[in-house]
PDB file of all heavy atoms in Angstrom:
ATOM      1  N   TYR A   1      10.858 -12.077   3.882  1.00  0.00           N
ATOM      2  CA  TYR A   1      10.206 -13.303   4.344  1.00  0.00           C
ATOM      3  C   TYR A   1      10.012 -14.306   3.205  1.00  0.00           C
ATOM      4  O   TYR A   1       9.430 -15.372   3.407  1.00  0.00           O
ATOM      5  CB  TYR A   1       8.832 -12.994   4.943  1.00  0.00           C
ATOM      6  CG  TYR A   1       8.826 -12.017   6.089  1.00  0.00           C
ATOM      7  CD1 TYR A   1       7.744 -11.150   6.280  1.00  0.00           C
ATOM      8  CD2 TYR A   1       9.884 -11.945   7.005  1.00  0.00           C
ATOM      9  CE1 TYR A   1       7.707 -10.258   7.336  1.00  0.00           C
ATOM     10  CE2 TYR A   1       9.860 -11.034   8.056  1.00  0.00           C
ATOM     11  CZ  TYR A   1       8.770 -10.199   8.215  1.00  0.00           C
ATOM     12  OH  TYR A   1       8.735  -9.307   9.266  1.00  0.00           O
ATOM     13  N   GLY A   2      10.452 -13.939   2.010  1.00  0.00           N
ATOM     14  CA  GLY A   2      10.292 -14.820   0.854  1.00  0.00           C
ATOM     15  C   GLY A   2       8.922 -14.749   0.212  1.00  0.00           C
ATOM     16  O   GLY A   2       8.523 -15.664  -0.507  1.00  0.00           O
ATOM     17  N   LEU A   3       8.199 -13.653   0.438  1.00  0.00           N
ATOM     18  CA  LEU A   3       6.851 -13.509  -0.096  1.00  0.00           C
ATOM     19  C   LEU A   3       6.861 -12.728  -1.410  1.00  0.00           C
ATOM     20  O   LEU A   3       7.398 -11.624  -1.484  1.00  0.00           O
ATOM     21  CB  LEU A   3       5.955 -12.789   0.915  1.00  0.00           C
ATOM     22  CG  LEU A   3       5.566 -13.588   2.153  1.00  0.00           C
ATOM     23  CD1 LEU A   3       4.869 -12.684   3.155  1.00  0.00           C
ATOM     24  CD2 LEU A   3       4.671 -14.758   1.785  1.00  0.00           C
ATOM     25  N   ASP A   4       6.260 -13.287  -2.425  1.00  0.00           N
ATOM     26  CA  ASP A   4       6.138 -12.625  -3.716  1.00  0.00           C
ATOM     27  C   ASP A   4       4.953 -11.662  -3.659  1.00  0.00           C
ATOM     28  O   ASP A   4       3.805 -12.061  -3.842  1.00  0.00           O
ATOM     29  CB  ASP A   4       5.934 -13.664  -4.820  1.00  0.00           C
ATOM     30  CG  ASP A   4       5.872 -13.039  -6.204  1.00  0.00           C
ATOM     31  OD1 ASP A   4       6.291 -11.873  -6.343  1.00  0.00           O
ATOM     32  OD2 ASP A   4       5.382 -13.713  -7.132  1.00  0.00           O
ATOM     33  N   ASN A   5       5.228 -10.411  -3.348  1.00  0.00           N
ATOM     34  CA  ASN A   5       4.170  -9.416  -3.180  1.00  0.00           C
ATOM     35  C   ASN A   5       4.259  -8.345  -4.260  1.00  0.00           C
ATOM     36  O   ASN A   5       5.317  -8.142  -4.856  1.00  0.00           O
ATOM     37  CB  ASN A   5       4.263  -8.789  -1.788  1.00  0.00           C
ATOM     38  CG  ASN A   5       5.522  -7.974  -1.597  1.00  0.00           C
ATOM     39  OD1 ASN A   5       5.540  -6.751  -1.812  1.00  0.00           O
ATOM     40  ND2 ASN A   5       6.623  -8.633  -1.203  1.00  0.00           N
ATOM     41  N   LYS A   6       3.150  -7.674  -4.477  1.00  0.00           N
ATOM     42  CA  LYS A   6       3.109  -6.637  -5.502  1.00  0.00           C
ATOM     43  C   LYS A   6       2.535  -5.348  -4.931  1.00  0.00           C
ATOM     44  O   LYS A   6       1.562  -5.368  -4.174  1.00  0.00           O
ATOM     45  CB  LYS A   6       2.271  -7.095  -6.701  1.00  0.00           C
ATOM     46  CG  LYS A   6       2.929  -8.211  -7.506  1.00  0.00           C
ATOM     47  CD  LYS A   6       2.099  -8.592  -8.710  1.00  0.00           C
ATOM     48  CE  LYS A   6       2.881  -9.529  -9.646  1.00  0.00           C
ATOM     49  NZ  LYS A   6       3.455 -10.680  -8.949  1.00  0.00           N
ATOM     50  N   ILE A   7       3.158  -4.219  -5.324  1.00  0.00           N
ATOM     51  CA  ILE A   7       2.688  -2.894  -4.938  1.00  0.00           C
ATOM     52  C   ILE A   7       1.753  -2.363  -6.015  1.00  0.00           C
ATOM     53  O   ILE A   7       2.039  -2.465  -7.204  1.00  0.00           O
ATOM     54  CB  ILE A   7       3.877  -1.921  -4.760  1.00  0.00           C
ATOM     55  CG1 ILE A   7       4.748  -2.341  -3.573  1.00  0.00           C
ATOM     56  CG2 ILE A   7       3.390  -0.482  -4.574  1.00  0.00           C
ATOM     57  CD1 ILE A   7       6.024  -1.522  -3.443  1.00  0.00           C
ATOM     58  N   ASN A   8       0.634  -1.796  -5.590  1.00  0.00           N
ATOM     59  CA  ASN A   8      -0.267  -1.085  -6.482  1.00  0.00           C
ATOM     60  C   ASN A   8      -0.270   0.374  -6.057  1.00  0.00           C
ATOM     61  O   ASN A   8      -0.700   0.702  -4.956  1.00  0.00           O
ATOM     62  CB  ASN A   8      -1.682  -1.671  -6.403  1.00  0.00           C
ATOM     63  CG  ASN A   8      -2.635  -1.040  -7.402  1.00  0.00           C
ATOM     64  OD1 ASN A   8      -2.470   0.103  -7.811  1.00  0.00           O
ATOM     65  ND2 ASN A   8      -3.652  -1.802  -7.788  1.00  0.00           N
ATOM     66  N   LEU A   9       0.213   1.268  -6.922  1.00  0.00           N
ATOM     67  CA  LEU A   9       0.273   2.689  -6.582  1.00  0.00           C
ATOM     68  C   LEU A   9      -0.988   3.444  -6.989  1.00  0.00           C
ATOM     69  O   LEU A   9      -1.222   4.543  -6.499  1.00  0.00           O
ATOM     70  CB  LEU A   9       1.499   3.330  -7.247  1.00  0.00           C
ATOM     71  CG  LEU A   9       2.860   2.905  -6.685  1.00  0.00           C
ATOM     72  CD1 LEU A   9       3.985   3.535  -7.495  1.00  0.00           C
ATOM     73  CD2 LEU A   9       2.990   3.283  -5.221  1.00  0.00           C
ATOM     74  N   GLU A  10      -1.788   2.869  -7.890  1.00  0.00           N
ATOM     75  CA  GLU A  10      -3.007   3.542  -8.318  1.00  0.00           C
ATOM     76  C   GLU A  10      -4.061   3.494  -7.213  1.00  0.00           C
ATOM     77  O   GLU A  10      -4.760   4.475  -6.952  1.00  0.00           O
ATOM     78  CB  GLU A  10      -3.533   2.908  -9.602  1.00  0.00           C
ATOM     79  CG  GLU A  10      -2.621   3.155 -10.805  1.00  0.00           C
ATOM     80  CD  GLU A  10      -3.203   2.587 -12.084  1.00  0.00           C
ATOM     81  OE1 GLU A  10      -4.346   2.073 -12.055  1.00  0.00           O
ATOM     82  OE2 GLU A  10      -2.522   2.672 -13.119  1.00  0.00           O
ATOM     83  N   ASP A  11      -4.208   2.341  -6.590  1.00  0.00           N
ATOM     84  CA  ASP A  11      -5.057   2.184  -5.402  1.00  0.00           C
ATOM     85  C   ASP A  11      -4.126   1.674  -4.313  1.00  0.00           C
ATOM     86  O   ASP A  11      -4.011   0.463  -4.111  1.00  0.00           O
ATOM     87  CB  ASP A  11      -6.194   1.200  -5.664  1.00  0.00           C
ATOM     88  CG  ASP A  11      -7.165   1.726  -6.697  1.00  0.00           C
ATOM     89  OD1 ASP A  11      -7.956   2.618  -6.359  1.00  0.00           O
ATOM     90  OD2 ASP A  11      -7.124   1.240  -7.843  1.00  0.00           O
ATOM     91  N   PRO A  12      -3.438   2.569  -3.628  1.00  0.00           N
ATOM     92  CA  PRO A  12      -2.230   2.222  -2.888  1.00  0.00           C
ATOM     93  C   PRO A  12      -2.399   1.073  -1.903  1.00  0.00           C
ATOM     94  O   PRO A  12      -3.262   1.095  -1.019  1.00  0.00           O
ATOM     95  CB  PRO A  12      -1.884   3.524  -2.164  1.00  0.00           C
ATOM     96  CG  PRO A  12      -2.465   4.598  -3.019  1.00  0.00           C
ATOM     97  CD  PRO A  12      -3.746   4.010  -3.541  1.00  0.00           C
ATOM     98  N   GLY A  13      -1.566   0.046  -2.116  1.00  0.00           N
ATOM     99  CA  GLY A  13      -1.588  -1.110  -1.244  1.00  0.00           C
ATOM    100  C   GLY A  13      -0.617  -2.168  -1.712  1.00  0.00           C
ATOM    101  O   GLY A  13       0.104  -1.991  -2.695  1.00  0.00           O
ATOM    102  N   ILE A  14      -0.618  -3.292  -0.987  1.00  0.00           N
ATOM    103  CA  ILE A  14       0.248  -4.425  -1.300  1.00  0.00           C
ATOM    104  C   ILE A  14      -0.617  -5.668  -1.418  1.00  0.00           C
ATOM    105  O   ILE A  14      -1.515  -5.906  -0.593  1.00  0.00           O
ATOM    106  CB  ILE A  14       1.333  -4.612  -0.229  1.00  0.00           C
ATOM    107  CG1 ILE A  14       2.285  -3.409  -0.256  1.00  0.00           C
ATOM    108  CG2 ILE A  14       2.104  -5.908  -0.441  1.00  0.00           C
ATOM    109  CD1 ILE A  14       3.365  -3.454   0.790  1.00  0.00           C
ATOM    110  N   TYR A  15      -0.315  -6.475  -2.428  1.00  0.00           N
ATOM    111  CA  TYR A  15      -1.121  -7.643  -2.743  1.00  0.00           C
ATOM    112  C   TYR A  15      -0.285  -8.922  -2.691  1.00  0.00           C
ATOM    113  O   TYR A  15       0.897  -8.929  -3.070  1.00  0.00           O
ATOM    114  CB  TYR A  15      -1.719  -7.506  -4.147  1.00  0.00           C
ATOM    115  CG  TYR A  15      -2.755  -6.410  -4.236  1.00  0.00           C
ATOM    116  CD1 TYR A  15      -2.369  -5.070  -4.303  1.00  0.00           C
ATOM    117  CD2 TYR A  15      -4.107  -6.710  -4.228  1.00  0.00           C
ATOM    118  CE1 TYR A  15      -3.325  -4.070  -4.371  1.00  0.00           C
ATOM    119  CE2 TYR A  15      -5.067  -5.708  -4.305  1.00  0.00           C
ATOM    120  CZ  TYR A  15      -4.671  -4.392  -4.376  1.00  0.00           C
ATOM    121  OH  TYR A  15      -5.600  -3.401  -4.425  1.00  0.00           O
ATOM    122  N   LEU A  16      -0.915 -10.002  -2.215  1.00  0.00           N
ATOM    123  CA  LEU A  16      -0.375 -11.352  -2.288  1.00  0.00           C
ATOM    124  C   LEU A  16      -1.365 -12.198  -3.071  1.00  0.00           C
ATOM    125  O   LEU A  16      -2.537 -12.294  -2.682  1.00  0.00           O
ATOM    126  CB  LEU A  16      -0.188 -11.952  -0.896  1.00  0.00           C
ATOM    127  CG  LEU A  16       0.822 -11.279   0.041  1.00  0.00           C
ATOM    128  CD1 LEU A  16       0.792 -11.967   1.405  1.00  0.00           C
ATOM    129  CD2 LEU A  16       2.227 -11.325  -0.538  1.00  0.00           C
ATOM    130  N   GLU A  17      -0.922 -12.765  -4.177  1.00  0.00           N
ATOM    131  CA  GLU A  17      -1.787 -13.610  -5.006  1.00  0.00           C
ATOM    132  C   GLU A  17      -3.107 -12.902  -5.338  1.00  0.00           C
ATOM    133  O   GLU A  17      -4.196 -13.472  -5.239  1.00  0.00           O
ATOM    134  CB  GLU A  17      -2.054 -14.954  -4.312  1.00  0.00           C
ATOM    135  CG  GLU A  17      -0.774 -15.766  -4.090  1.00  0.00           C
ATOM    136  CD  GLU A  17      -1.025 -17.079  -3.362  1.00  0.00           C
ATOM    137  OE1 GLU A  17      -2.164 -17.271  -2.857  1.00  0.00           O
ATOM    138  OE2 GLU A  17      -0.106 -17.905  -3.289  1.00  0.00           O
ATOM    139  N   ASN A  18      -2.995 -11.624  -5.708  1.00  0.00           N
ATOM    140  CA  ASN A  18      -4.136 -10.801  -6.106  1.00  0.00           C
ATOM    141  C   ASN A  18      -5.137 -10.544  -4.978  1.00  0.00           C
ATOM    142  O   ASN A  18      -6.280 -10.133  -5.236  1.00  0.00           O
ATOM    143  CB  ASN A  18      -4.860 -11.417  -7.312  1.00  0.00           C
ATOM    144  CG  ASN A  18      -3.986 -11.452  -8.548  1.00  0.00           C
ATOM    145  OD1 ASN A  18      -3.297 -10.491  -8.862  1.00  0.00           O
ATOM    146  ND2 ASN A  18      -3.991 -12.585  -9.250  1.00  0.00           N
ATOM    147  N   LYS A  19      -4.734 -10.766  -3.743  1.00  0.00           N
ATOM    148  CA  LYS A  19      -5.546 -10.410  -2.586  1.00  0.00           C
ATOM    149  C   LYS A  19      -4.852  -9.292  -1.824  1.00  0.00           C
ATOM    150  O   LYS A  19      -3.613  -9.253  -1.758  1.00  0.00           O
ATOM    151  CB  LYS A  19      -5.758 -11.618  -1.683  1.00  0.00           C
ATOM    152  CG  LYS A  19      -6.585 -12.721  -2.321  1.00  0.00           C
ATOM    153  CD  LYS A  19      -6.807 -13.880  -1.361  1.00  0.00           C
ATOM    154  CE  LYS A  19      -7.670 -14.958  -2.000  1.00  0.00           C
ATOM    155  NZ  LYS A  19      -7.905 -16.091  -1.070  1.00  0.00           N
ATOM    156  N   LYS A  20      -5.649  -8.410  -1.233  1.00  0.00           N
ATOM    157  CA  LYS A  20      -5.065  -7.223  -0.611  1.00  0.00           C
ATOM    158  C   LYS A  20      -4.634  -7.513   0.814  1.00  0.00           C
ATOM    159  O   LYS A  20      -5.436  -7.884   1.673  1.00  0.00           O
ATOM    160  CB  LYS A  20      -6.043  -6.054  -0.644  1.00  0.00           C
ATOM    161  CG  LYS A  20      -5.359  -4.717  -0.343  1.00  0.00           C
ATOM    162  CD  LYS A  20      -6.118  -3.537  -0.878  1.00  0.00           C
ATOM    163  CE  LYS A  20      -5.255  -2.282  -0.855  1.00  0.00           C
ATOM    164  NZ  LYS A  20      -5.962  -1.096  -1.365  1.00  0.00           N
ATOM    165  N   LEU A  21      -3.342  -7.306   1.063  1.00  0.00           N
ATOM    166  CA  LEU A  21      -2.766  -7.522   2.388  1.00  0.00           C
ATOM    167  C   LEU A  21      -2.636  -6.222   3.169  1.00  0.00           C
ATOM    168  O   LEU A  21      -2.868  -6.195   4.380  1.00  0.00           O
ATOM    169  CB  LEU A  21      -1.377  -8.162   2.247  1.00  0.00           C
ATOM    170  CG  LEU A  21      -0.605  -8.369   3.551  1.00  0.00           C
ATOM    171  CD1 LEU A  21      -1.244  -9.486   4.366  1.00  0.00           C
ATOM    172  CD2 LEU A  21       0.861  -8.670   3.272  1.00  0.00           C
ATOM    173  N   ALA A  22      -2.248  -5.149   2.498  1.00  0.00           N
ATOM    174  CA  ALA A  22      -1.976  -3.876   3.175  1.00  0.00           C
ATOM    175  C   ALA A  22      -2.558  -2.725   2.373  1.00  0.00           C
ATOM    176  O   ALA A  22      -2.608  -2.768   1.142  1.00  0.00           O
ATOM    177  CB  ALA A  22      -0.476  -3.678   3.360  1.00  0.00           C
ATOM    178  N   SER A  23      -2.991  -1.706   3.101  1.00  0.00           N
ATOM    179  CA  SER A  23      -3.547  -0.498   2.483  1.00  0.00           C
ATOM    180  C   SER A  23      -2.878   0.725   3.087  1.00  0.00           C
ATOM    181  O   SER A  23      -2.468   0.705   4.250  1.00  0.00           O
ATOM    182  CB  SER A  23      -5.063  -0.409   2.737  1.00  0.00           C
ATOM    183  OG  SER A  23      -5.738  -1.523   2.236  1.00  0.00           O
ATOM    184  N   VAL A  24      -2.788   1.792   2.305  1.00  0.00           N
ATOM    185  CA  VAL A  24      -2.227   3.028   2.817  1.00  0.00           C
ATOM    186  C   VAL A  24      -3.071   4.203   2.347  1.00  0.00           C
ATOM    187  O   VAL A  24      -3.548   4.237   1.214  1.00  0.00           O
ATOM    188  CB  VAL A  24      -0.745   3.209   2.387  1.00  0.00           C
ATOM    189  CG1 VAL A  24      -0.602   3.297   0.889  1.00  0.00           C
ATOM    190  CG2 VAL A  24      -0.108   4.400   3.071  1.00  0.00           C
ATOM    191  N   GLY A  25      -3.290   5.136   3.259  1.00  0.00           N
ATOM    192  CA  GLY A  25      -3.995   6.376   2.938  1.00  0.00           C
ATOM    193  C   GLY A  25      -3.432   7.484   3.807  1.00  0.00           C
ATOM    194  O   GLY A  25      -3.310   7.318   5.018  1.00  0.00           O
ATOM    195  N   MET A  26      -3.049   8.587   3.198  1.00  0.00           N
ATOM    196  CA  MET A  26      -2.364   9.655   3.920  1.00  0.00           C
ATOM    197  C   MET A  26      -3.121  10.974   3.769  1.00  0.00           C
ATOM    198  O   MET A  26      -3.984  11.141   2.922  1.00  0.00           O
ATOM    199  CB  MET A  26      -0.930   9.828   3.398  1.00  0.00           C
ATOM    200  CG  MET A  26      -0.067   8.583   3.459  1.00  0.00           C
ATOM    201  SD  MET A  26       0.221   7.965   5.129  1.00  0.00           S
ATOM    202  CE  MET A  26       1.039   9.371   5.884  1.00  0.00           C
ATOM    203  N   ARG A  27      -2.722  11.909   4.580  1.00  0.00           N
ATOM    204  CA  ARG A  27      -3.211  13.294   4.519  1.00  0.00           C
ATOM    205  C   ARG A  27      -2.061  14.200   4.930  1.00  0.00           C
ATOM    206  O   ARG A  27      -1.232  13.826   5.778  1.00  0.00           O
ATOM    207  CB  ARG A  27      -4.392  13.485   5.473  1.00  0.00           C
ATOM    208  CG  ARG A  27      -5.019  14.859   5.463  1.00  0.00           C
ATOM    209  CD  ARG A  27      -5.975  15.032   4.322  1.00  0.00           C
ATOM    210  NE  ARG A  27      -6.712  16.299   4.395  1.00  0.00           N
ATOM    211  CZ  ARG A  27      -7.625  16.658   3.523  1.00  0.00           C
ATOM    212  NH1 ARG A  27      -7.946  15.873   2.512  1.00  0.00           N
ATOM    213  NH2 ARG A  27      -8.249  17.817   3.645  1.00  0.00           N
ATOM    214  N   ILE A  28      -1.995  15.389   4.347  1.00  0.00           N
ATOM    215  CA  ILE A  28      -0.961  16.363   4.707  1.00  0.00           C
ATOM    216  C   ILE A  28      -1.641  17.649   5.165  1.00  0.00           C
ATOM    217  O   ILE A  28      -2.572  18.131   4.512  1.00  0.00           O
ATOM    218  CB  ILE A  28      -0.020  16.643   3.521  1.00  0.00           C
ATOM    219  CG1 ILE A  28       0.785  15.385   3.188  1.00  0.00           C
ATOM    220  CG2 ILE A  28       0.920  17.815   3.843  1.00  0.00           C
ATOM    221  CD1 ILE A  28       1.642  15.535   1.945  1.00  0.00           C
ATOM    222  N   ARG A  29      -1.164  18.176   6.283  1.00  0.00           N
ATOM    223  CA  ARG A  29      -1.674  19.437   6.809  1.00  0.00           C
ATOM    224  C   ARG A  29      -0.537  20.171   7.504  1.00  0.00           C
ATOM    225  O   ARG A  29       0.184  19.594   8.314  1.00  0.00           O
ATOM    226  CB  ARG A  29      -2.833  19.193   7.781  1.00  0.00           C
ATOM    227  CG  ARG A  29      -3.351  20.470   8.420  1.00  0.00           C
ATOM    228  CD  ARG A  29      -4.643  20.234   9.194  1.00  0.00           C
ATOM    229  NE  ARG A  29      -5.019  21.409   9.981  1.00  0.00           N
ATOM    230  CZ  ARG A  29      -5.579  22.499   9.488  1.00  0.00           C
ATOM    231  NH1 ARG A  29      -5.826  22.581   8.196  1.00  0.00           N
ATOM    232  NH2 ARG A  29      -5.898  23.520  10.267  1.00  0.00           N
ATOM    233  N   ARG A  30      -0.356  21.429   7.169  1.00  0.00           N
ATOM    234  CA  ARG A  30       0.636  22.300   7.807  1.00  0.00           C
ATOM    235  C   ARG A  30       2.030  21.671   7.775  1.00  0.00           C
ATOM    236  O   ARG A  30       2.783  21.724   8.734  1.00  0.00           O
ATOM    237  CB  ARG A  30       0.223  22.627   9.242  1.00  0.00           C
ATOM    238  CG  ARG A  30      -1.133  23.328   9.350  1.00  0.00           C
ATOM    239  CD  ARG A  30      -1.433  23.760  10.766  1.00  0.00           C
ATOM    240  NE  ARG A  30      -0.509  24.805  11.199  1.00  0.00           N
ATOM    241  CZ  ARG A  30      -0.454  25.271  12.447  1.00  0.00           C
ATOM    242  NH1 ARG A  30      -1.266  24.773  13.381  1.00  0.00           N
ATOM    243  NH2 ARG A  30       0.404  26.217  12.763  1.00  0.00           N
ATOM    244  N   ASN A  31       2.348  21.050   6.636  1.00  0.00           N
ATOM    245  CA  ASN A  31       3.657  20.426   6.410  1.00  0.00           C
ATOM    246  C   ASN A  31       3.899  19.181   7.262  1.00  0.00           C
ATOM    247  O   ASN A  31       5.039  18.753   7.430  1.00  0.00           O
ATOM    248  CB  ASN A  31       4.801  21.428   6.626  1.00  0.00           C
ATOM    249  CG  ASN A  31       4.797  22.535   5.598  1.00  0.00           C
ATOM    250  OD1 ASN A  31       4.707  22.268   4.395  1.00  0.00           O
ATOM    251  ND2 ASN A  31       4.861  23.782   6.056  1.00  0.00           N
ATOM    252  N   TYR A  32       2.834  18.584   7.780  1.00  0.00           N
ATOM    253  CA  TYR A  32       2.946  17.307   8.488  1.00  0.00           C
ATOM    254  C   TYR A  32       2.050  16.278   7.805  1.00  0.00           C
ATOM    255  O   TYR A  32       0.962  16.592   7.333  1.00  0.00           O
ATOM    256  CB  TYR A  32       2.506  17.443   9.954  1.00  0.00           C
ATOM    257  CG  TYR A  32       3.557  18.071  10.833  1.00  0.00           C
ATOM    258  CD1 TYR A  32       3.750  19.444  10.825  1.00  0.00           C
ATOM    259  CD2 TYR A  32       4.363  17.293  11.653  1.00  0.00           C
ATOM    260  CE1 TYR A  32       4.721  20.041  11.614  1.00  0.00           C
ATOM    261  CE2 TYR A  32       5.333  17.875  12.454  1.00  0.00           C
ATOM    262  CZ  TYR A  32       5.502  19.241  12.430  1.00  0.00           C
ATOM    263  OH  TYR A  32       6.472  19.816  13.210  1.00  0.00           O
ATOM    264  N   SER A  33       2.525  15.038   7.781  1.00  0.00           N
ATOM    265  CA  SER A  33       1.686  13.936   7.327  1.00  0.00           C
ATOM    266  C   SER A  33       0.935  13.351   8.516  1.00  0.00           C
ATOM    267  O   SER A  33       1.365  13.476   9.665  1.00  0.00           O
ATOM    268  CB  SER A  33       2.545  12.849   6.681  1.00  0.00           C
ATOM    269  OG  SER A  33       3.393  12.243   7.657  1.00  0.00           O
TER     270      SER A  33
END
């Protein structure tokens, strides 16, 4: 889309102009996410 975005892997998410657009949090159990 032409958006200059940045990934942060330490606090997992995606940022636009230093603001948080997306967040991710996962869990694994019995070989399923």
